[in-house]
Structures are given as structure tokens and as C-alpha cells.
Amino acid sequence: MWELLFGALGGLFGGLFRLAPEVLKLLDKKSERKHELAMFTLQTDLEKVRGTFRMEERYAEYSTVQLDTIKEAFKEQALTAKEAGPFVSAISALVRPGITWALFFMYATVKIAALIMAITAGGDWKEVVTSAWGAEDVAMFNMVLTFWFVGRAIEKYQK
């Protein structure tokens, strides 16, 4: 009887010990797959960052080329205006600031008119003011500031 019990226990433990390495291999493969997936995810994120960096680098190069082209055009325009005389030179110097101010006043007039119409229609002035200034307005504001201030700072730095 003891022989039967020891034989059964021996067979059971022998089978368990034989299966143990296989179970450990399965667990190891599972953790290896997790590790490979994590590495793939990190490599994908790295490639995304590299792509973004390349795009920003190309944009910066393109912007520099544009600024150089604009700078050359302004120099040529200034020389042509000086050759035409002081009156033409003065008018030429006022064109860009004049257009900027005209567009600013038209833009402000439209915004103020919209604000007055919304308040007249019964809207809450706080809500009207906050909704009147959106992402497009911020983009326009940044574009004007960049044109007038950043371009000049870059020109001074290049000299």
C-alpha cells in the first residue's frame, strides 16, 4: 500500500517537476513580449519626436530663407524709392505702417460693432467679450507682433 502511495506521489511530483520548466518558459516568454512591446512603443515615440524635430527644423530653415528674401526686397525697394526722390521715399516708408494701422482700425471696428450688437441683443457683456476673442484673433495678433518686432530683432542679431 505504501508503495502504491509513494508511487502515486512520485509520479505526481515527477510530473509537476517536469512541467515546472515549461511553465517558467511560458512566463518568461510573456514578460519578454511585454518588454518587446514596451521597447517598440518607445522606439515609435522616439521616431515621432524625430519627425517633429525634422519638420520644425525645415520650417526654421524656410522661415530664415523667407526673412532673407523679404530683407533683400526691402533694400531694393528703399534704393528705388531714394532714387525717385524724397516725396516718393516718404510715401514708400509709410505704406506698410499705414496698411497695418488701417487693418488694425478696421479689425477693431468690426470687433466693437459685434460687441455692441451682442450686448444690444441682450447678451451678457462678460460672455460676449470672452467669446469675441478666439484662436483666430490670437493668431492674427501674434502674426502682427512677429512681423513688426521679431523680424527686426532677427535683423539686428544678423548685423
C-alpha atoms as a PDB file:
ATOM      1  CA  MET A   1       0.000   0.000   0.000  1.00  0.00           C
ATOM      2  CA  TRP A   2       2.798   2.386   0.886  1.00  0.00           C
ATOM      3  CA  GLU A   3       4.427   1.521  -2.359  1.00  0.00           C
ATOM      4  CA  LEU A   4       1.297   2.499  -4.234  1.00  0.00           C
ATOM      5  CA  LEU A   5       1.046   5.781  -2.332  1.00  0.00           C
ATOM      6  CA  PHE A   6       4.734   6.584  -2.830  1.00  0.00           C
ATOM      7  CA  GLY A   7       4.470   5.580  -6.471  1.00  0.00           C
ATOM      8  CA  ALA A   8       1.484   7.890  -6.982  1.00  0.00           C
ATOM      9  CA  LEU A   9       3.185  10.751  -5.120  1.00  0.00           C
ATOM     10  CA  GLY A  10       6.401  10.142  -7.040  1.00  0.00           C
ATOM     11  CA  GLY A  11       4.522  10.192 -10.339  1.00  0.00           C
ATOM     12  CA  LEU A  12       2.648  13.344  -9.324  1.00  0.00           C
ATOM     13  CA  PHE A  13       5.750  15.201  -8.156  1.00  0.00           C
ATOM     14  CA  GLY A  14       7.732  13.950 -11.135  1.00  0.00           C
ATOM     15  CA  GLY A  15       5.071  15.280 -13.495  1.00  0.00           C
ATOM     16  CA  LEU A  16       4.957  18.628 -11.654  1.00  0.00           C
ATOM     17  CA  PHE A  17       8.723  18.960 -11.736  1.00  0.00           C
ATOM     18  CA  ARG A  18       8.710  18.091 -15.428  1.00  0.00           C
ATOM     19  CA  LEU A  19       6.043  20.746 -16.128  1.00  0.00           C
ATOM     20  CA  ALA A  20       7.711  23.431 -13.996  1.00  0.00           C
ATOM     21  CA  PRO A  21      10.364  24.396 -16.604  1.00  0.00           C
ATOM     22  CA  GLU A  22       7.694  24.618 -19.290  1.00  0.00           C
ATOM     23  CA  VAL A  23       5.545  26.914 -17.111  1.00  0.00           C
ATOM     24  CA  LEU A  24       8.603  29.059 -16.369  1.00  0.00           C
ATOM     25  CA  LYS A  25       9.360  29.274 -20.104  1.00  0.00           C
ATOM     26  CA  LEU A  26       5.793  30.441 -20.792  1.00  0.00           C
ATOM     27  CA  LEU A  27       6.038  33.106 -18.073  1.00  0.00           C
ATOM     28  CA  ASP A  28       9.417  34.183 -19.414  1.00  0.00           C
ATOM     29  CA  LYS A  29       8.031  34.486 -22.958  1.00  0.00           C
ATOM     30  CA  LYS A  30       5.125  36.548 -21.645  1.00  0.00           C
ATOM     31  CA  SER A  31       7.456  39.009 -19.884  1.00  0.00           C
ATOM     32  CA  GLU A  32       9.710  39.027 -22.959  1.00  0.00           C
ATOM     33  CA  ARG A  33       6.748  40.017 -25.143  1.00  0.00           C
ATOM     34  CA  LYS A  34       5.814  42.772 -22.703  1.00  0.00           C
ATOM     35  CA  HIS A  35       9.393  44.027 -22.842  1.00  0.00           C
ATOM     36  CA  GLU A  36       9.428  43.927 -26.662  1.00  0.00           C
ATOM     37  CA  LEU A  37       6.130  45.793 -26.794  1.00  0.00           C
ATOM     38  CA  ALA A  38       7.465  48.435 -24.401  1.00  0.00           C
ATOM     39  CA  MET A  39      10.631  48.815 -26.490  1.00  0.00           C
ATOM     40  CA  PHE A  40       8.578  49.090 -29.688  1.00  0.00           C
ATOM     41  CA  THR A  41       6.412  51.768 -28.083  1.00  0.00           C
ATOM     42  CA  LEU A  42       9.486  53.716 -27.006  1.00  0.00           C
ATOM     43  CA  GLN A  43      11.020  53.440 -30.476  1.00  0.00           C
ATOM     44  CA  THR A  44       7.767  54.635 -32.040  1.00  0.00           C
ATOM     45  CA  ASP A  45       7.645  57.627 -29.685  1.00  0.00           C
ATOM     46  CA  LEU A  46      11.274  58.409 -30.479  1.00  0.00           C
ATOM     47  CA  GLU A  47      10.552  58.359 -34.216  1.00  0.00           C
ATOM     48  CA  LYS A  48       7.582  60.674 -33.679  1.00  0.00           C
ATOM     49  CA  VAL A  49       9.797  63.142 -31.812  1.00  0.00           C
ATOM     50  CA  ARG A  50      12.464  62.902 -34.515  1.00  0.00           C
ATOM     51  CA  GLY A  51       9.858  63.560 -37.209  1.00  0.00           C
ATOM     52  CA  THR A  52       8.526  66.578 -35.341  1.00  0.00           C
ATOM     53  CA  PHE A  53      12.052  67.894 -34.877  1.00  0.00           C
ATOM     54  CA  ARG A  54      12.796  67.484 -38.597  1.00  0.00           C
ATOM     55  CA  MET A  55       9.598  69.350 -39.505  1.00  0.00           C
ATOM     56  CA  GLU A  56      10.431  72.201 -37.116  1.00  0.00           C
ATOM     57  CA  GLU A  57      13.981  72.304 -38.465  1.00  0.00           C
ATOM     58  CA  ARG A  58      12.699  72.577 -42.048  1.00  0.00           C
ATOM     59  CA  TYR A  59      10.227  75.263 -41.004  1.00  0.00           C
ATOM     60  CA  ALA A  60      13.009  77.252 -39.336  1.00  0.00           C
ATOM     61  CA  GLU A  61      15.146  76.993 -42.477  1.00  0.00           C
ATOM     62  CA  TYR A  62      12.177  78.031 -44.611  1.00  0.00           C
ATOM     63  CA  SER A  63      11.433  80.985 -42.316  1.00  0.00           C
ATOM     64  CA  THR A  64      15.057  82.133 -42.463  1.00  0.00           C
ATOM     65  CA  VAL A  65      15.015  81.991 -46.261  1.00  0.00           C
ATOM     66  CA  GLN A  66      11.765  83.965 -46.302  1.00  0.00           C
ATOM     67  CA  LEU A  67      13.179  86.619 -43.969  1.00  0.00           C
ATOM     68  CA  ASP A  68      16.290  86.959 -46.100  1.00  0.00           C
ATOM     69  CA  THR A  69      14.169  87.328 -49.237  1.00  0.00           C
ATOM     70  CA  ILE A  70      11.964  89.953 -47.607  1.00  0.00           C
ATOM     71  CA  LYS A  71      15.035  91.810 -46.345  1.00  0.00           C
ATOM     72  CA  GLU A  72      16.518  91.935 -49.846  1.00  0.00           C
ATOM     73  CA  ALA A  73      13.208  93.130 -51.285  1.00  0.00           C
ATOM     74  CA  PHE A  74      13.031  95.944 -48.710  1.00  0.00           C
ATOM     75  CA  LYS A  75      16.583  97.016 -49.507  1.00  0.00           C
ATOM     76  CA  GLU A  76      15.791  97.090 -53.221  1.00  0.00           C
ATOM     77  CA  GLN A  77      12.569  98.997 -52.585  1.00  0.00           C
ATOM     78  CA  ALA A  78      14.394 101.545 -50.423  1.00  0.00           C
ATOM     79  CA  LEU A  79      17.018 102.116 -53.113  1.00  0.00           C
ATOM     80  CA  THR A  80      14.353 102.574 -55.801  1.00  0.00           C
ATOM     81  CA  ALA A  81      12.396 104.998 -53.597  1.00  0.00           C
ATOM     82  CA  LYS A  82      15.518 107.070 -52.795  1.00  0.00           C
ATOM     83  CA  GLU A  83      16.296 107.374 -56.484  1.00  0.00           C
ATOM     84  CA  ALA A  84      12.752 108.645 -57.130  1.00  0.00           C
ATOM     85  CA  GLY A  85      13.086 111.496 -54.636  1.00  0.00           C
ATOM     86  CA  PRO A  86      12.246 112.379 -51.018  1.00  0.00           C
ATOM     87  CA  PHE A  87       8.464 112.580 -51.530  1.00  0.00           C
ATOM     88  CA  VAL A  88       8.241 109.097 -53.060  1.00  0.00           C
ATOM     89  CA  SER A  89      10.656 107.817 -50.408  1.00  0.00           C
ATOM     90  CA  ALA A  90       8.430 109.170 -47.614  1.00  0.00           C
ATOM     91  CA  ILE A  91       5.276 107.656 -49.132  1.00  0.00           C
ATOM     92  CA  SER A  92       7.066 104.335 -49.637  1.00  0.00           C
ATOM     93  CA  ALA A  93       8.178 104.327 -45.999  1.00  0.00           C
ATOM     94  CA  LEU A  94       4.581 104.910 -44.834  1.00  0.00           C
ATOM     95  CA  VAL A  95       2.921 102.173 -46.902  1.00  0.00           C
ATOM     96  CA  ARG A  96       3.471  99.192 -44.580  1.00  0.00           C
ATOM     97  CA  PRO A  97       2.752 101.047 -41.312  1.00  0.00           C
ATOM     98  CA  GLY A  98      -0.245 102.739 -42.950  1.00  0.00           C
ATOM     99  CA  ILE A  99      -1.713  99.432 -44.090  1.00  0.00           C
ATOM    100  CA  THR A 100      -1.066  97.932 -40.659  1.00  0.00           C
ATOM    101  CA  TRP A 101      -2.886 100.775 -38.898  1.00  0.00           C
ATOM    102  CA  ALA A 102      -5.761 100.717 -41.386  1.00  0.00           C
ATOM    103  CA  LEU A 103      -6.242  96.974 -40.897  1.00  0.00           C
ATOM    104  CA  PHE A 104      -5.975  97.378 -37.128  1.00  0.00           C
ATOM    105  CA  PHE A 105      -8.707 100.037 -37.046  1.00  0.00           C
ATOM    106  CA  MET A 106     -10.962  98.029 -39.377  1.00  0.00           C
ATOM    107  CA  TYR A 107     -10.471  94.929 -37.227  1.00  0.00           C
ATOM    108  CA  ALA A 108     -11.140  96.868 -34.015  1.00  0.00           C
ATOM    109  CA  THR A 109     -14.245  98.462 -35.558  1.00  0.00           C
ATOM    110  CA  VAL A 110     -15.664  95.084 -36.533  1.00  0.00           C
ATOM    111  CA  LYS A 111     -14.992  93.647 -33.055  1.00  0.00           C
ATOM    112  CA  ILE A 112     -16.530  96.664 -31.302  1.00  0.00           C
ATOM    113  CA  ALA A 113     -19.577  96.576 -33.605  1.00  0.00           C
ATOM    114  CA  ALA A 114     -20.065  92.870 -32.872  1.00  0.00           C
ATOM    115  CA  LEU A 115     -19.738  93.563 -29.150  1.00  0.00           C
ATOM    116  CA  ILE A 116     -22.313  96.378 -29.277  1.00  0.00           C
ATOM    117  CA  MET A 117     -24.724  94.259 -31.354  1.00  0.00           C
ATOM    118  CA  ALA A 118     -24.426  91.322 -28.946  1.00  0.00           C
ATOM    119  CA  ILE A 119     -24.991  93.486 -25.878  1.00  0.00           C
ATOM    120  CA  THR A 120     -27.919  95.258 -27.575  1.00  0.00           C
ATOM    121  CA  ALA A 121     -29.453  91.858 -28.314  1.00  0.00           C
ATOM    122  CA  GLY A 122     -29.388  91.114 -24.590  1.00  0.00           C
ATOM    123  CA  GLY A 123     -26.164  89.147 -24.224  1.00  0.00           C
ATOM    124  CA  ASP A 124     -24.088  89.229 -21.035  1.00  0.00           C
ATOM    125  CA  TRP A 125     -21.132  91.532 -21.661  1.00  0.00           C
ATOM    126  CA  LYS A 126     -18.659  89.192 -19.919  1.00  0.00           C
ATOM    127  CA  GLU A 127     -19.666  86.254 -22.086  1.00  0.00           C
ATOM    128  CA  VAL A 128     -19.631  88.396 -25.229  1.00  0.00           C
ATOM    129  CA  VAL A 129     -16.139  89.718 -24.536  1.00  0.00           C
ATOM    130  CA  THR A 130     -14.687  86.279 -23.808  1.00  0.00           C
ATOM    131  CA  SER A 131     -16.276  84.703 -26.881  1.00  0.00           C
ATOM    132  CA  ALA A 132     -15.236  87.604 -29.140  1.00  0.00           C
ATOM    133  CA  TRP A 133     -11.526  86.804 -28.674  1.00  0.00           C
ATOM    134  CA  GLY A 134     -10.834  83.366 -30.160  1.00  0.00           C
ATOM    135  CA  ALA A 135      -7.920  81.358 -31.509  1.00  0.00           C
ATOM    136  CA  GLU A 136      -8.021  83.181 -34.843  1.00  0.00           C
ATOM    137  CA  ASP A 137      -7.707  86.513 -33.073  1.00  0.00           C
ATOM    138  CA  VAL A 138      -4.706  85.318 -31.098  1.00  0.00           C
ATOM    139  CA  ALA A 139      -3.115  84.028 -34.311  1.00  0.00           C
ATOM    140  CA  MET A 140      -3.679  87.382 -36.038  1.00  0.00           C
ATOM    141  CA  PHE A 141      -2.263  89.276 -33.064  1.00  0.00           C
ATOM    142  CA  ASN A 142       0.824  87.019 -32.942  1.00  0.00           C
ATOM    143  CA  MET A 143       1.341  87.375 -36.685  1.00  0.00           C
ATOM    144  CA  VAL A 144       1.368  91.179 -36.488  1.00  0.00           C
ATOM    145  CA  LEU A 145       3.666  91.227 -33.464  1.00  0.00           C
ATOM    146  CA  THR A 146       6.015  88.760 -35.111  1.00  0.00           C
ATOM    147  CA  PHE A 147       6.147  90.813 -38.281  1.00  0.00           C
ATOM    148  CA  TRP A 148       6.909  94.080 -36.545  1.00  0.00           C
ATOM    149  CA  PHE A 149       9.087  93.003 -33.637  1.00  0.00           C
ATOM    150  CA  VAL A 150      10.642  89.598 -34.204  1.00  0.00           C
ATOM    151  CA  GLY A 151      11.709  90.369 -37.759  1.00  0.00           C
ATOM    152  CA  ARG A 152      13.532  93.463 -36.582  1.00  0.00           C
ATOM    153  CA  ALA A 153      15.173  91.606 -33.699  1.00  0.00           C
ATOM    154  CA  ILE A 154      16.463  88.988 -36.136  1.00  0.00           C
ATOM    155  CA  GLU A 155      17.763  91.696 -38.455  1.00  0.00           C
ATOM    156  CA  LYS A 156      19.642  93.344 -35.571  1.00  0.00           C
ATOM    157  CA  TYR A 157      21.051  89.985 -34.494  1.00  0.00           C
ATOM    158  CA  GLN A 158      22.246  89.186 -38.029  1.00  0.00           C
ATOM    159  CA  LYS A 159      24.108  92.511 -38.226  1.00  0.00           C
END
